[in-house]
Amino acid sequence: MAKIERLSTRHVSSDRSLERIVAAARAEPGLWLMIKEREMELRTMRAELERLGAKEGDIDHLFPQRLKPTLSELADDLVSRMFGGCPPDMLAPVQDTLLAAARHDLDASPG
């Protein structure tokens, strides 16, 4: 099978490509743990925003220290390694899919 050298937005938004990206992330335990940590970070921030009655726009002000590397950096690196590049408009759907998969794993794990 030929390696995909350049990934277009049309290709990444397909369910098959997104499933491949999630499968690749899960295949790297360290990377998958970092993605799940980013989901936990977001849960914590949302809970704190709700507790304070703040808005989503207050995240950077209330949480100046965030986990590094960011989810965006992790997703960009993963997709770039898989497909040779990550178009900027593709990053959000990849991040959303990775977070949804991490959320599913965290919710399914025994408490």
C-alpha atoms as a PDB file:
ATOM      1  CA  MET A   1       0.000   0.000   0.000  1.00  0.00           C
ATOM      2  CA  ALA A   2       1.335   3.447  -0.914  1.00  0.00           C
ATOM      3  CA  LYS A   3       2.045   5.951   1.819  1.00  0.00           C
ATOM      4  CA  ILE A   4      -0.042   9.114   1.727  1.00  0.00           C
ATOM      5  CA  GLU A   5       2.416  11.978   1.394  1.00  0.00           C
ATOM      6  CA  ARG A   6       0.005  14.872   1.630  1.00  0.00           C
ATOM      7  CA  LEU A   7      -3.314  14.854   3.387  1.00  0.00           C
ATOM      8  CA  SER A   8      -6.048  17.150   2.193  1.00  0.00           C
ATOM      9  CA  THR A   9      -8.845  18.451   4.381  1.00  0.00           C
ATOM     10  CA  ARG A  10     -11.288  16.345   2.378  1.00  0.00           C
ATOM     11  CA  HIS A  11      -9.396  13.175   3.253  1.00  0.00           C
ATOM     12  CA  VAL A  12      -8.897  13.889   6.947  1.00  0.00           C
ATOM     13  CA  SER A  13     -12.499  14.699   7.560  1.00  0.00           C
ATOM     14  CA  SER A  14     -13.502  11.233   6.433  1.00  0.00           C
ATOM     15  CA  ASP A  15     -14.449   8.905   9.259  1.00  0.00           C
ATOM     16  CA  ARG A  16     -11.902   6.354   8.068  1.00  0.00           C
ATOM     17  CA  SER A  17      -9.001   8.804   8.287  1.00  0.00           C
ATOM     18  CA  LEU A  18     -10.082  10.037  11.708  1.00  0.00           C
ATOM     19  CA  GLU A  19     -10.378   6.435  12.927  1.00  0.00           C
ATOM     20  CA  ARG A  20      -6.851   5.745  11.654  1.00  0.00           C
ATOM     21  CA  ILE A  21      -5.538   8.791  13.498  1.00  0.00           C
ATOM     22  CA  VAL A  22      -7.193   7.701  16.760  1.00  0.00           C
ATOM     23  CA  ALA A  23      -5.904   4.140  16.301  1.00  0.00           C
ATOM     24  CA  ALA A  24      -2.380   5.462  15.747  1.00  0.00           C
ATOM     25  CA  ALA A  25      -2.629   7.601  18.888  1.00  0.00           C
ATOM     26  CA  ARG A  26      -3.874   4.652  20.941  1.00  0.00           C
ATOM     27  CA  ALA A  27      -1.000   2.525  19.612  1.00  0.00           C
ATOM     28  CA  GLU A  28       1.475   4.875  21.311  1.00  0.00           C
ATOM     29  CA  PRO A  29       0.803   4.518  25.061  1.00  0.00           C
ATOM     30  CA  GLY A  30       2.721   7.661  26.026  1.00  0.00           C
ATOM     31  CA  LEU A  31       0.953   9.779  23.434  1.00  0.00           C
ATOM     32  CA  TRP A  32      -2.447   8.348  24.328  1.00  0.00           C
ATOM     33  CA  LEU A  33      -1.835   9.090  28.003  1.00  0.00           C
ATOM     34  CA  MET A  34      -0.975  12.704  27.144  1.00  0.00           C
ATOM     35  CA  ILE A  35      -4.171  13.044  25.086  1.00  0.00           C
ATOM     36  CA  LYS A  36      -6.244  11.678  27.972  1.00  0.00           C
ATOM     37  CA  GLU A  37      -4.469  14.135  30.290  1.00  0.00           C
ATOM     38  CA  ARG A  38      -5.551  16.989  28.003  1.00  0.00           C
ATOM     39  CA  GLU A  39      -9.163  15.765  28.236  1.00  0.00           C
ATOM     40  CA  MET A  40      -8.878  15.683  32.037  1.00  0.00           C
ATOM     41  CA  GLU A  41      -7.393  19.187  31.970  1.00  0.00           C
ATOM     42  CA  LEU A  42     -10.370  20.423  29.944  1.00  0.00           C
ATOM     43  CA  ARG A  43     -12.819  18.737  32.334  1.00  0.00           C
ATOM     44  CA  THR A  44     -11.137  20.448  35.263  1.00  0.00           C
ATOM     45  CA  MET A  45     -11.199  23.833  33.562  1.00  0.00           C
ATOM     46  CA  ARG A  46     -14.876  23.483  32.589  1.00  0.00           C
ATOM     47  CA  ALA A  47     -15.806  22.529  36.151  1.00  0.00           C
ATOM     48  CA  GLU A  48     -13.888  25.502  37.539  1.00  0.00           C
ATOM     49  CA  LEU A  49     -15.475  27.872  35.011  1.00  0.00           C
ATOM     50  CA  GLU A  50     -18.900  26.581  35.995  1.00  0.00           C
ATOM     51  CA  ARG A  51     -18.094  26.898  39.688  1.00  0.00           C
ATOM     52  CA  LEU A  52     -16.949  30.492  39.212  1.00  0.00           C
ATOM     53  CA  GLY A  53     -19.766  31.371  36.832  1.00  0.00           C
ATOM     54  CA  ALA A  54     -17.151  32.400  34.281  1.00  0.00           C
ATOM     55  CA  LYS A  55     -17.228  32.161  30.509  1.00  0.00           C
ATOM     56  CA  GLU A  56     -15.158  30.049  28.076  1.00  0.00           C
ATOM     57  CA  GLY A  57     -13.314  33.232  27.070  1.00  0.00           C
ATOM     58  CA  ASP A  58     -11.899  33.469  30.596  1.00  0.00           C
ATOM     59  CA  ILE A  59      -9.889  30.238  30.231  1.00  0.00           C
ATOM     60  CA  ASP A  60      -6.586  31.906  29.323  1.00  0.00           C
ATOM     61  CA  HIS A  61      -6.938  34.412  32.162  1.00  0.00           C
ATOM     62  CA  LEU A  62      -7.957  31.854  34.792  1.00  0.00           C
ATOM     63  CA  PHE A  63      -5.613  29.099  33.605  1.00  0.00           C
ATOM     64  CA  PRO A  64      -2.381  30.708  32.367  1.00  0.00           C
ATOM     65  CA  GLN A  65      -0.443  27.475  32.976  1.00  0.00           C
ATOM     66  CA  ARG A  66      -1.502  24.649  30.676  1.00  0.00           C
ATOM     67  CA  LEU A  67      -0.093  21.212  30.019  1.00  0.00           C
ATOM     68  CA  LYS A  68       2.734  21.116  27.491  1.00  0.00           C
ATOM     69  CA  PRO A  69       2.858  20.081  24.745  1.00  0.00           C
ATOM     70  CA  THR A  70      -0.616  21.272  23.903  1.00  0.00           C
ATOM     71  CA  LEU A  71      -3.233  19.038  22.319  1.00  0.00           C
ATOM     72  CA  SER A  72      -2.799  21.041  19.137  1.00  0.00           C
ATOM     73  CA  GLU A  73       0.927  20.261  19.088  1.00  0.00           C
ATOM     74  CA  LEU A  74       0.322  16.582  19.813  1.00  0.00           C
ATOM     75  CA  ALA A  75      -2.294  16.286  17.062  1.00  0.00           C
ATOM     76  CA  ASP A  76      -0.172  18.180  14.547  1.00  0.00           C
ATOM     77  CA  ASP A  77       2.855  15.993  15.248  1.00  0.00           C
ATOM     78  CA  LEU A  78       0.856  12.756  15.011  1.00  0.00           C
ATOM     79  CA  VAL A  79      -0.859  13.670  11.735  1.00  0.00           C
ATOM     80  CA  SER A  80       2.392  14.985  10.266  1.00  0.00           C
ATOM     81  CA  ARG A  81       4.159  11.714  11.084  1.00  0.00           C
ATOM     82  CA  MET A  82       1.321   9.726   9.548  1.00  0.00           C
ATOM     83  CA  PHE A  83       0.648  11.760   6.432  1.00  0.00           C
ATOM     84  CA  GLY A  84       3.628  14.071   5.945  1.00  0.00           C
ATOM     85  CA  GLY A  85       1.779  17.230   6.979  1.00  0.00           C
ATOM     86  CA  CYS A  86      -1.269  18.569   8.736  1.00  0.00           C
ATOM     87  CA  PRO A  87      -3.285  21.301   6.988  1.00  0.00           C
ATOM     88  CA  PRO A  88      -4.278  23.978   9.538  1.00  0.00           C
ATOM     89  CA  ASP A  89      -8.004  23.633   8.833  1.00  0.00           C
ATOM     90  CA  MET A  90      -7.722  19.935   9.589  1.00  0.00           C
ATOM     91  CA  LEU A  91      -6.379  20.372  13.101  1.00  0.00           C
ATOM     92  CA  ALA A  92      -9.688  21.147  14.836  1.00  0.00           C
ATOM     93  CA  PRO A  93     -11.524  18.033  13.600  1.00  0.00           C
ATOM     94  CA  VAL A  94      -8.555  15.856  14.564  1.00  0.00           C
ATOM     95  CA  GLN A  95      -8.385  17.382  18.038  1.00  0.00           C
ATOM     96  CA  ASP A  96     -12.139  17.006  18.533  1.00  0.00           C
ATOM     97  CA  THR A  97     -11.983  13.359  17.484  1.00  0.00           C
ATOM     98  CA  LEU A  98      -9.001  12.598  19.728  1.00  0.00           C
ATOM     99  CA  LEU A  99     -10.694  14.265  22.700  1.00  0.00           C
ATOM    100  CA  ALA A 100     -13.944  12.414  22.052  1.00  0.00           C
ATOM    101  CA  ALA A 101     -12.078   9.088  21.972  1.00  0.00           C
ATOM    102  CA  ALA A 102     -10.172   9.986  25.147  1.00  0.00           C
ATOM    103  CA  ARG A 103     -13.437  11.041  26.813  1.00  0.00           C
ATOM    104  CA  HIS A 104     -14.990   7.705  25.860  1.00  0.00           C
ATOM    105  CA  ASP A 105     -12.028   5.795  27.322  1.00  0.00           C
ATOM    106  CA  LEU A 106     -12.056   7.809  30.530  1.00  0.00           C
ATOM    107  CA  ASP A 107     -15.806   7.412  30.978  1.00  0.00           C
ATOM    108  CA  ALA A 108     -15.595   3.677  30.306  1.00  0.00           C
ATOM    109  CA  SER A 109     -12.767   3.034  32.759  1.00  0.00           C
ATOM    110  CA  PRO A 110     -13.713   1.797  36.232  1.00  0.00           C
ATOM    111  CA  GLY A 111     -13.902   4.600  38.761  1.00  0.00           C
END
